[in-house]
Amino acid sequence: MPHKALTQEQKAYFKHLLSQTLEELVKEAGGTATSGDALDDQGRDLIDQASLETNRILSFRIRERDGRLAQKIKSALSKLEDGTFGICEECGTPIPEKRLRARPIAVLCIECKEKQENEERIKEADPDRI
């Protein structure tokens, strides 16, 4: 199915938005990568040690999540370059601009995303169901 190509203005908007978001992620990652990691655990009571370990785990999860988001942003920027940005990876229809503005890393149109989420709910409810 033919799709309506993004205008130069739309491409510039999304490129700026995605690049700016990626830059902010990189800055934040640099600031949180070492916070609290260099502190010595000796001399701390068990509660302090448990709290520190919880903070380390949380920090790791945040960095992991941010890393996945960075990859999605890089993929979206690449799609902007090759002309496939804003096209549903499942059905090939254009993703509405309103959705892209709300979630510029979206790779599925609303209908395909809802279908995917419904399938995931079914699998979670009955993992043996194929």
C-alpha atoms as a PDB file:
ATOM      1  CA  MET A   1       0.000   0.000   0.000  1.00  0.00           C
ATOM      2  CA  PRO A   2       1.522   3.374  -0.931  1.00  0.00           C
ATOM      3  CA  HIS A   3       2.150   5.711   1.960  1.00  0.00           C
ATOM      4  CA  LYS A   4       2.262   9.454   2.276  1.00  0.00           C
ATOM      5  CA  ALA A   5       5.878  10.508   2.673  1.00  0.00           C
ATOM      6  CA  LEU A   6       6.803  12.869   5.453  1.00  0.00           C
ATOM      7  CA  THR A   7       7.392  16.449   4.458  1.00  0.00           C
ATOM      8  CA  GLN A   8      10.864  17.953   4.909  1.00  0.00           C
ATOM      9  CA  GLU A   9       9.461  19.994   7.795  1.00  0.00           C
ATOM     10  CA  GLN A  10       8.112  16.864   9.522  1.00  0.00           C
ATOM     11  CA  LYS A  11      11.408  15.040   8.992  1.00  0.00           C
ATOM     12  CA  ALA A  12      13.326  17.966  10.474  1.00  0.00           C
ATOM     13  CA  TYR A  13      10.939  18.113  13.456  1.00  0.00           C
ATOM     14  CA  PHE A  14      11.298  14.407  14.260  1.00  0.00           C
ATOM     15  CA  LYS A  15      15.051  14.401  13.676  1.00  0.00           C
ATOM     16  CA  HIS A  16      15.468  17.304  16.093  1.00  0.00           C
ATOM     17  CA  LEU A  17      13.135  15.737  18.666  1.00  0.00           C
ATOM     18  CA  LEU A  18      14.813  12.320  18.522  1.00  0.00           C
ATOM     19  CA  SER A  19      18.349  13.747  18.502  1.00  0.00           C
ATOM     20  CA  GLN A  20      17.588  15.992  21.460  1.00  0.00           C
ATOM     21  CA  THR A  21      16.076  13.096  23.438  1.00  0.00           C
ATOM     22  CA  LEU A  22      19.096  10.905  22.688  1.00  0.00           C
ATOM     23  CA  GLU A  23      21.477  13.681  23.752  1.00  0.00           C
ATOM     24  CA  GLU A  24      19.616  14.079  27.066  1.00  0.00           C
ATOM     25  CA  LEU A  25      19.776  10.312  27.681  1.00  0.00           C
ATOM     26  CA  VAL A  26      23.527  10.300  27.086  1.00  0.00           C
ATOM     27  CA  LYS A  27      24.032  13.241  29.465  1.00  0.00           C
ATOM     28  CA  GLU A  28      21.939  11.566  32.175  1.00  0.00           C
ATOM     29  CA  ALA A  29      23.765   8.260  31.740  1.00  0.00           C
ATOM     30  CA  GLY A  30      27.085   9.990  32.303  1.00  0.00           C
ATOM     31  CA  GLY A  31      25.839  11.480  35.547  1.00  0.00           C
ATOM     32  CA  THR A  32      24.344   8.332  37.050  1.00  0.00           C
ATOM     33  CA  ALA A  33      26.875   5.720  35.966  1.00  0.00           C
ATOM     34  CA  THR A  34      29.124   6.231  38.975  1.00  0.00           C
ATOM     35  CA  SER A  35      26.845   7.781  41.602  1.00  0.00           C
ATOM     36  CA  GLY A  36      27.286   5.829  44.810  1.00  0.00           C
ATOM     37  CA  ASP A  37      29.308   3.022  43.227  1.00  0.00           C
ATOM     38  CA  ALA A  38      32.640   4.114  44.670  1.00  0.00           C
ATOM     39  CA  LEU A  39      31.474   4.266  48.278  1.00  0.00           C
ATOM     40  CA  ASP A  40      33.062   1.802  50.684  1.00  0.00           C
ATOM     41  CA  ASP A  41      30.635  -0.736  52.171  1.00  0.00           C
ATOM     42  CA  GLN A  42      32.797  -1.303  55.270  1.00  0.00           C
ATOM     43  CA  GLY A  43      31.546   0.384  58.405  1.00  0.00           C
ATOM     44  CA  ARG A  44      27.929   0.417  57.260  1.00  0.00           C
ATOM     45  CA  ASP A  45      25.208  -1.422  59.095  1.00  0.00           C
ATOM     46  CA  LEU A  46      23.066  -4.031  57.340  1.00  0.00           C
ATOM     47  CA  ILE A  47      20.260  -1.572  56.635  1.00  0.00           C
ATOM     48  CA  ASP A  48      22.654   0.881  54.969  1.00  0.00           C
ATOM     49  CA  GLN A  49      24.203  -1.934  52.939  1.00  0.00           C
ATOM     50  CA  ALA A  50      20.778  -3.201  51.844  1.00  0.00           C
ATOM     51  CA  SER A  51      19.728   0.325  50.912  1.00  0.00           C
ATOM     52  CA  LEU A  52      22.918   0.836  48.908  1.00  0.00           C
ATOM     53  CA  GLU A  53      22.412  -2.480  47.103  1.00  0.00           C
ATOM     54  CA  THR A  54      18.798  -1.565  46.299  1.00  0.00           C
ATOM     55  CA  ASN A  55      19.981   1.757  44.888  1.00  0.00           C
ATOM     56  CA  ARG A  56      22.606  -0.013  42.768  1.00  0.00           C
ATOM     57  CA  ILE A  57      20.004  -2.424  41.361  1.00  0.00           C
ATOM     58  CA  LEU A  58      17.607   0.434  40.628  1.00  0.00           C
ATOM     59  CA  SER A  59      20.375   2.423  38.951  1.00  0.00           C
ATOM     60  CA  PHE A  60      21.298  -0.603  36.824  1.00  0.00           C
ATOM     61  CA  ARG A  61      17.679  -1.096  35.751  1.00  0.00           C
ATOM     62  CA  ILE A  62      17.351   2.567  34.834  1.00  0.00           C
ATOM     63  CA  ARG A  63      20.557   2.443  32.772  1.00  0.00           C
ATOM     64  CA  GLU A  64      19.340  -0.751  31.106  1.00  0.00           C
ATOM     65  CA  ARG A  65      15.980   0.850  30.249  1.00  0.00           C
ATOM     66  CA  ASP A  66      17.679   3.995  28.990  1.00  0.00           C
ATOM     67  CA  GLY A  67      19.974   1.851  26.843  1.00  0.00           C
ATOM     68  CA  ARG A  68      16.990   0.164  25.199  1.00  0.00           C
ATOM     69  CA  LEU A  69      15.372   3.559  24.643  1.00  0.00           C
ATOM     70  CA  ALA A  70      18.600   4.892  23.098  1.00  0.00           C
ATOM     71  CA  GLN A  71      18.628   1.943  20.675  1.00  0.00           C
ATOM     72  CA  LYS A  72      15.010   2.632  19.692  1.00  0.00           C
ATOM     73  CA  ILE A  73      15.836   6.306  19.113  1.00  0.00           C
ATOM     74  CA  LYS A  74      18.860   5.396  16.960  1.00  0.00           C
ATOM     75  CA  SER A  75      16.650   3.024  14.975  1.00  0.00           C
ATOM     76  CA  ALA A  76      14.050   5.776  14.460  1.00  0.00           C
ATOM     77  CA  LEU A  77      16.776   8.182  13.278  1.00  0.00           C
ATOM     78  CA  SER A  78      17.999   5.534  10.856  1.00  0.00           C
ATOM     79  CA  LYS A  79      14.448   5.054   9.561  1.00  0.00           C
ATOM     80  CA  LEU A  80      14.215   8.810   9.022  1.00  0.00           C
ATOM     81  CA  GLU A  81      17.319   8.598   6.852  1.00  0.00           C
ATOM     82  CA  ASP A  82      16.133   5.625   4.785  1.00  0.00           C
ATOM     83  CA  GLY A  83      12.552   6.870   4.387  1.00  0.00           C
ATOM     84  CA  THR A  84      10.799   4.174   6.442  1.00  0.00           C
ATOM     85  CA  PHE A  85      10.113   6.293   9.538  1.00  0.00           C
ATOM     86  CA  GLY A  86       6.414   6.407  10.360  1.00  0.00           C
ATOM     87  CA  ILE A  87       5.547   3.187   8.532  1.00  0.00           C
ATOM     88  CA  CYS A  88       4.053   0.320  10.563  1.00  0.00           C
ATOM     89  CA  GLU A  89       6.463  -2.603  10.632  1.00  0.00           C
ATOM     90  CA  GLU A  90       3.583  -5.055  10.793  1.00  0.00           C
ATOM     91  CA  CYS A  91       1.083  -3.935   8.151  1.00  0.00           C
ATOM     92  CA  GLY A  92       3.012  -1.277   6.202  1.00  0.00           C
ATOM     93  CA  THR A  93       0.472   1.506   6.661  1.00  0.00           C
ATOM     94  CA  PRO A  94       1.464   5.022   7.711  1.00  0.00           C
ATOM     95  CA  ILE A  95       1.496   5.672  11.439  1.00  0.00           C
ATOM     96  CA  PRO A  96      -0.593   8.808  12.086  1.00  0.00           C
ATOM     97  CA  GLU A  97       1.454  11.927  12.819  1.00  0.00           C
ATOM     98  CA  LYS A  98      -0.465  12.426  16.064  1.00  0.00           C
ATOM     99  CA  ARG A  99       0.836   9.042  17.313  1.00  0.00           C
ATOM    100  CA  LEU A 100       4.378   9.796  16.149  1.00  0.00           C
ATOM    101  CA  ARG A 101       4.345  13.132  17.968  1.00  0.00           C
ATOM    102  CA  ALA A 102       3.222  11.371  21.147  1.00  0.00           C
ATOM    103  CA  ARG A 103       5.656   8.451  20.696  1.00  0.00           C
ATOM    104  CA  PRO A 104       8.233   9.158  17.992  1.00  0.00           C
ATOM    105  CA  ILE A 105       9.847   5.732  18.458  1.00  0.00           C
ATOM    106  CA  ALA A 106       6.585   3.947  17.583  1.00  0.00           C
ATOM    107  CA  VAL A 107       7.062   1.196  14.996  1.00  0.00           C
ATOM    108  CA  LEU A 108       3.475  -0.056  14.936  1.00  0.00           C
ATOM    109  CA  CYS A 109       0.216   1.673  14.070  1.00  0.00           C
ATOM    110  CA  ILE A 110      -2.443   1.749  16.775  1.00  0.00           C
ATOM    111  CA  GLU A 111      -4.318  -1.264  15.386  1.00  0.00           C
ATOM    112  CA  CYS A 112      -1.212  -3.478  15.185  1.00  0.00           C
ATOM    113  CA  LYS A 113      -0.015  -2.317  18.627  1.00  0.00           C
ATOM    114  CA  GLU A 114      -3.398  -3.166  20.160  1.00  0.00           C
ATOM    115  CA  LYS A 115      -3.323  -6.570  18.463  1.00  0.00           C
ATOM    116  CA  GLN A 116       0.190  -7.188  19.839  1.00  0.00           C
ATOM    117  CA  GLU A 117      -0.863  -6.178  23.367  1.00  0.00           C
ATOM    118  CA  ASN A 118      -3.946  -8.417  23.208  1.00  0.00           C
ATOM    119  CA  GLU A 119      -1.792 -11.374  22.129  1.00  0.00           C
ATOM    120  CA  GLU A 120       0.618 -10.670  25.005  1.00  0.00           C
ATOM    121  CA  ARG A 121      -2.285 -10.578  27.498  1.00  0.00           C
ATOM    122  CA  ILE A 122      -3.551 -13.916  26.213  1.00  0.00           C
ATOM    123  CA  LYS A 123      -0.073 -15.468  26.548  1.00  0.00           C
ATOM    124  CA  GLU A 124       0.274 -14.101  30.088  1.00  0.00           C
ATOM    125  CA  ALA A 125      -3.146 -15.424  31.073  1.00  0.00           C
ATOM    126  CA  ASP A 126      -2.488 -18.882  29.586  1.00  0.00           C
ATOM    127  CA  PRO A 127       1.219 -19.473  28.824  1.00  0.00           C
ATOM    128  CA  ASP A 128       0.521 -23.005  27.493  1.00  0.00           C
ATOM    129  CA  ARG A 129      -1.833 -21.665  24.830  1.00  0.00           C
ATOM    130  CA  ILE A 130      -0.248 -21.428  21.404  1.00  0.00           C
END
